[in-house]
Protein backbone atom coordinates (compact mmCIF):
# COMPACT_ATOMS: atom_id res chain seq x y z
CA MET A 1 22.48 29.28 18.53
CA GLY A 2 19.78 27.09 17.00
CA HIS A 3 22.36 24.52 15.90
CA VAL A 4 23.96 24.42 19.35
CA LEU A 5 20.63 23.85 21.10
CA MET A 6 19.37 21.30 18.56
CA LYS A 7 22.61 19.32 18.69
CA ALA A 8 22.63 19.30 22.49
CA ALA A 9 19.01 18.17 22.67
CA LEU A 10 19.41 15.42 20.07
CA ASP A 11 22.71 14.23 21.55
CA PHE A 12 20.87 13.77 24.84
CA CYS A 13 17.99 11.94 23.15
CA ASP A 14 20.41 9.62 21.36
CA ARG A 15 22.46 9.02 24.51
CA VAL A 16 19.42 7.92 26.54
CA GLY A 17 18.04 5.84 23.67
CA TYR A 18 14.93 7.71 22.55
CA LYS A 19 13.83 6.21 19.23
CA ARG A 20 11.30 8.95 18.44
CA VAL A 21 11.59 12.68 19.03
CA TYR A 22 8.90 15.14 18.04
CA LEU A 23 8.29 18.85 18.23
CA THR A 24 5.42 21.17 17.47
CA THR A 25 5.72 24.53 15.80
CA PHE A 26 3.89 26.79 13.38
CA LYS A 27 3.96 26.92 9.61
CA GLY A 28 5.93 29.78 8.10
CA LEU A 29 9.06 29.69 10.27
CA ALA A 30 11.47 29.06 7.41
CA ALA A 31 14.75 29.20 9.36
CA ALA A 32 13.45 26.84 12.04
CA HIS A 33 12.00 24.44 9.48
CA HIS A 34 15.32 24.36 7.63
CA LEU A 35 17.03 23.45 10.91
CA TYR A 36 14.54 20.63 11.59
CA VAL A 37 15.11 19.11 8.15
CA GLN A 38 18.87 19.45 8.55
CA TYR A 39 18.68 17.39 11.76
CA GLY A 40 16.52 14.64 10.26
CA PHE A 41 13.01 15.72 11.21
CA LYS A 42 10.10 15.16 8.83
CA LEU A 43 6.79 17.00 8.81
CA VAL A 44 4.17 14.44 9.87
CA HIS A 45 1.06 16.51 10.64
CA GLU A 46 -0.37 19.94 10.03
CA ALA A 47 -3.69 21.34 11.25
CA GLU A 48 -5.24 24.65 12.25
CA ASP A 49 -5.03 25.37 15.96
CA THR A 50 -6.93 27.98 17.99
CA SER A 51 -5.24 27.49 21.38
CA TRP A 52 -3.56 30.90 21.12
CA GLY A 53 -6.81 32.81 20.52
CA VAL A 54 -6.28 33.04 16.77
CA VAL A 55 -6.20 30.45 14.00
CA LEU A 56 -2.63 29.26 13.41
CA PRO A 57 -1.35 26.42 11.19
CA GLU A 58 0.34 24.16 13.74
CA GLN A 59 2.82 21.51 12.60
CA GLU A 60 4.26 18.36 14.16
CA TRP A 61 7.77 17.31 13.12
CA GLU A 62 9.22 13.90 13.95
CA ARG A 63 12.66 12.27 13.97
CA ILE A 64 12.86 8.48 14.22
CA ASN A 65 16.14 6.62 14.79
């Protein structure tokens, strides 16, 4: 299902001409991170975040066309 959703989202982004796509997630989600790399995303930033009431290592991934 992850591949279907990622492909649909990126097909839309490409169709409308977005040059940069980014997403935020948390460190440690191996299957998701593998999917991001497979679709051309690169890890561009990582920092601790406390928005959820606990300290979590948040990541920003970016894909540039």
